[in-house]
C-alpha atoms as a PDB file:
ATOM      1  CA  UNK A   1      -0.447  16.989 -40.095  1.00  0.00           C
ATOM      2  CA  UNK A   2      -3.058  16.582 -42.739  1.00  0.00           C
ATOM      3  CA  UNK A   3      -6.101  15.042 -41.121  1.00  0.00           C
ATOM      4  CA  UNK A   4      -6.690  12.688 -44.076  1.00  0.00           C
ATOM      5  CA  UNK A   5      -3.312  11.031 -43.466  1.00  0.00           C
ATOM      6  CA  UNK A   6      -4.380  10.168 -39.931  1.00  0.00           C
ATOM      7  CA  UNK A   7      -8.041   9.273 -40.578  1.00  0.00           C
ATOM      8  CA  UNK A   8      -7.307   5.685 -41.499  1.00  0.00           C
ATOM      9  CA  UNK A   9      -7.170   2.417 -39.653  1.00  0.00           C
ATOM     10  CA  UNK A  10      -4.327   2.705 -37.158  1.00  0.00           C
ATOM     11  CA  UNK A  11      -1.946   0.360 -38.997  1.00  0.00           C
ATOM     12  CA  UNK A  12      -2.341   2.368 -42.248  1.00  0.00           C
ATOM     13  CA  UNK A  13      -2.178   5.894 -40.814  1.00  0.00           C
ATOM     14  CA  UNK A  14       0.951   8.030 -41.068  1.00  0.00           C
ATOM     15  CA  UNK A  15       3.457   7.448 -38.284  1.00  0.00           C
ATOM     16  CA  UNK A  16       2.871   8.650 -34.777  1.00  0.00           C
ATOM     17  CA  UNK A  17       0.197   8.202 -32.172  1.00  0.00           C
ATOM     18  CA  UNK A  18      -0.917  10.271 -29.229  1.00  0.00           C
ATOM     19  CA  UNK A  19       0.207   8.856 -25.921  1.00  0.00           C
ATOM     20  CA  UNK A  20       0.816  11.362 -23.144  1.00  0.00           C
ATOM     21  CA  UNK A  21      -2.685  11.019 -21.687  1.00  0.00           C
ATOM     22  CA  UNK A  22      -2.525   7.218 -21.662  1.00  0.00           C
ATOM     23  CA  UNK A  23       1.175   6.663 -20.923  1.00  0.00           C
ATOM     24  CA  UNK A  24       0.929   6.021 -17.169  1.00  0.00           C
ATOM     25  CA  UNK A  25      -2.188   3.839 -17.472  1.00  0.00           C
ATOM     26  CA  UNK A  26      -0.726   1.881 -20.375  1.00  0.00           C
ATOM     27  CA  UNK A  27       2.466   1.127 -18.460  1.00  0.00           C
ATOM     28  CA  UNK A  28       0.553   0.115 -15.334  1.00  0.00           C
ATOM     29  CA  UNK A  29      -1.824  -2.071 -17.372  1.00  0.00           C
ATOM     30  CA  UNK A  30       0.453  -3.692 -19.948  1.00  0.00           C
ATOM     31  CA  UNK A  31       3.738  -3.876 -18.031  1.00  0.00           C
ATOM     32  CA  UNK A  32       2.696  -5.376 -14.685  1.00  0.00           C
ATOM     33  CA  UNK A  33       6.185  -6.752 -14.008  1.00  0.00           C
ATOM     34  CA  UNK A  34       7.630  -3.235 -13.924  1.00  0.00           C
ATOM     35  CA  UNK A  35       7.347  -1.785 -10.421  1.00  0.00           C
ATOM     36  CA  UNK A  36       5.491   1.441  -9.738  1.00  0.00           C
ATOM     37  CA  UNK A  37       8.725   3.054  -8.554  1.00  0.00           C
ATOM     38  CA  UNK A  38      10.461   2.190 -11.852  1.00  0.00           C
ATOM     39  CA  UNK A  39       7.554   3.616 -13.865  1.00  0.00           C
ATOM     40  CA  UNK A  40       7.569   6.849 -11.843  1.00  0.00           C
ATOM     41  CA  UNK A  41      11.352   7.052 -12.149  1.00  0.00           C
ATOM     42  CA  UNK A  42      11.191   6.593 -15.919  1.00  0.00           C
ATOM     43  CA  UNK A  43       8.447   9.163 -16.450  1.00  0.00           C
ATOM     44  CA  UNK A  44       9.451  11.785 -13.887  1.00  0.00           C
ATOM     45  CA  UNK A  45      13.172  11.488 -13.209  1.00  0.00           C
ATOM     46  CA  UNK A  46      14.812   9.950 -16.275  1.00  0.00           C
ATOM     47  CA  UNK A  47      12.772  12.062 -18.688  1.00  0.00           C
ATOM     48  CA  UNK A  48      14.128  15.189 -16.966  1.00  0.00           C
ATOM     49  CA  UNK A  49      17.689  13.822 -17.061  1.00  0.00           C
ATOM     50  CA  UNK A  50      17.468  13.116 -20.790  1.00  0.00           C
ATOM     51  CA  UNK A  51      16.201  16.645 -21.457  1.00  0.00           C
ATOM     52  CA  UNK A  52      18.651  18.270 -19.005  1.00  0.00           C
ATOM     53  CA  UNK A  53      15.798  19.641 -16.896  1.00  0.00           C
ATOM     54  CA  UNK A  54      16.517  19.929 -13.159  1.00  0.00           C
ATOM     55  CA  UNK A  55      14.996  17.219 -10.964  1.00  0.00           C
ATOM     56  CA  UNK A  56      12.159  18.663  -8.871  1.00  0.00           C
ATOM     57  CA  UNK A  57      12.339  18.250  -5.128  1.00  0.00           C
ATOM     58  CA  UNK A  58       9.522  18.698  -2.647  1.00  0.00           C
ATOM     59  CA  UNK A  59      10.373  20.855   0.333  1.00  0.00           C
ATOM     60  CA  UNK A  60       8.770  23.272   2.763  1.00  0.00           C
ATOM     61  CA  UNK A  61       8.245  26.595   1.014  1.00  0.00           C
ATOM     62  CA  UNK A  62       9.132  25.215  -2.431  1.00  0.00           C
ATOM     63  CA  UNK A  63       6.899  25.762  -5.442  1.00  0.00           C
ATOM     64  CA  UNK A  64       4.851  22.639  -6.106  1.00  0.00           C
ATOM     65  CA  UNK A  65       5.545  20.833  -9.379  1.00  0.00           C
ATOM     66  CA  UNK A  66       4.070  17.371  -9.144  1.00  0.00           C
ATOM     67  CA  UNK A  67       1.737  14.814 -10.630  1.00  0.00           C
ATOM     68  CA  UNK A  68      -0.983  13.153  -8.575  1.00  0.00           C
ATOM     69  CA  UNK A  69      -1.908   9.604  -9.546  1.00  0.00           C
ATOM     70  CA  UNK A  70      -3.865   6.588  -8.387  1.00  0.00           C
ATOM     71  CA  UNK A  71      -2.129   3.354  -9.450  1.00  0.00           C
ATOM     72  CA  UNK A  72      -5.293   1.314  -8.782  1.00  0.00           C
ATOM     73  CA  UNK A  73      -7.939   3.486 -10.471  1.00  0.00           C
ATOM     74  CA  UNK A  74      -9.674   1.883 -13.450  1.00  0.00           C
ATOM     75  CA  UNK A  75     -10.809   4.088 -16.313  1.00  0.00           C
ATOM     76  CA  UNK A  76     -11.752   3.828 -19.969  1.00  0.00           C
ATOM     77  CA  UNK A  77     -10.075   6.035 -22.554  1.00  0.00           C
ATOM     78  CA  UNK A  78     -12.424   7.300 -25.255  1.00  0.00           C
ATOM     79  CA  UNK A  79     -12.886  10.223 -27.641  1.00  0.00           C
ATOM     80  CA  UNK A  80     -15.012  12.152 -25.142  1.00  0.00           C
ATOM     81  CA  UNK A  81     -12.100  12.481 -22.688  1.00  0.00           C
ATOM     82  CA  UNK A  82      -9.306  12.744 -25.268  1.00  0.00           C
ATOM     83  CA  UNK A  83      -7.312  15.940 -24.588  1.00  0.00           C
ATOM     84  CA  UNK A  84      -5.413  15.891 -27.892  1.00  0.00           C
ATOM     85  CA  UNK A  85      -6.548  17.447 -31.158  1.00  0.00           C
ATOM     86  CA  UNK A  86      -5.310  14.239 -32.776  1.00  0.00           C
ATOM     87  CA  UNK A  87      -7.396  11.086 -32.668  1.00  0.00           C
ATOM     88  CA  UNK A  88      -4.700   8.683 -33.826  1.00  0.00           C
ATOM     89  CA  UNK A  89      -4.588   6.069 -31.080  1.00  0.00           C
ATOM     90  CA  UNK A  90      -5.176   2.341 -30.762  1.00  0.00           C
ATOM     91  CA  UNK A  91      -6.500   2.899 -27.223  1.00  0.00           C
ATOM     92  CA  UNK A  92     -10.029   4.277 -27.680  1.00  0.00           C
ATOM     93  CA  UNK A  93     -12.285   1.951 -25.679  1.00  0.00           C
ATOM     94  CA  UNK A  94      -9.357   0.535 -23.690  1.00  0.00           C
ATOM     95  CA  UNK A  95      -9.747   0.028 -19.940  1.00  0.00           C
ATOM     96  CA  UNK A  96      -6.644   1.021 -17.988  1.00  0.00           C
ATOM     97  CA  UNK A  97      -5.604   0.454 -14.394  1.00  0.00           C
ATOM     98  CA  UNK A  98      -3.583   3.432 -13.186  1.00  0.00           C
ATOM     99  CA  UNK A  99      -4.696   6.998 -13.692  1.00  0.00           C
ATOM    100  CA  UNK A 100      -3.204  10.466 -13.478  1.00  0.00           C
ATOM    101  CA  UNK A 101      -5.542  12.435 -11.204  1.00  0.00           C
ATOM    102  CA  UNK A 102      -3.997  15.837 -11.754  1.00  0.00           C
ATOM    103  CA  UNK A 103      -0.943  18.009 -12.192  1.00  0.00           C
ATOM    104  CA  UNK A 104       0.170  20.927 -10.039  1.00  0.00           C
ATOM    105  CA  UNK A 105       2.724  23.248 -11.603  1.00  0.00           C
ATOM    106  CA  UNK A 106       3.378  26.280  -9.440  1.00  0.00           C
ATOM    107  CA  UNK A 107       0.166  28.271  -9.139  1.00  0.00           C
ATOM    108  CA  UNK A 108      -1.517  26.267 -11.907  1.00  0.00           C
ATOM    109  CA  UNK A 109      -3.400  23.053 -11.234  1.00  0.00           C
ATOM    110  CA  UNK A 110      -5.291  20.756 -13.577  1.00  0.00           C
ATOM    111  CA  UNK A 111      -7.385  17.849 -12.355  1.00  0.00           C
ATOM    112  CA  UNK A 112      -8.899  15.170 -14.572  1.00  0.00           C
ATOM    113  CA  UNK A 113     -12.648  14.942 -14.249  1.00  0.00           C
ATOM    114  CA  UNK A 114     -13.069  11.527 -15.810  1.00  0.00           C
END
């Protein structure tokens, strides 16, 4: 994408906005009537079904592939913690309730430090 097409007020920028980093927090914050189990099911189970990716199970001796989250953690999304090269989001400065703490994928682990 050409940066100039995105460096406009959100409503005038070319289509598309970053959202992976804020998805869980946005759902927890702006959709309080949706249960935590439905949110987790939508993000973890149904997404895999749609993409024909096997559902991960947790078992003794299995390779860990999981996301750690705190549904009650409050945090503010801003440019300093943005993980995307894009900056096209309406959420900079937004306080969210619900935060992904980290991801473990086999031998790789990433933990958010914000």
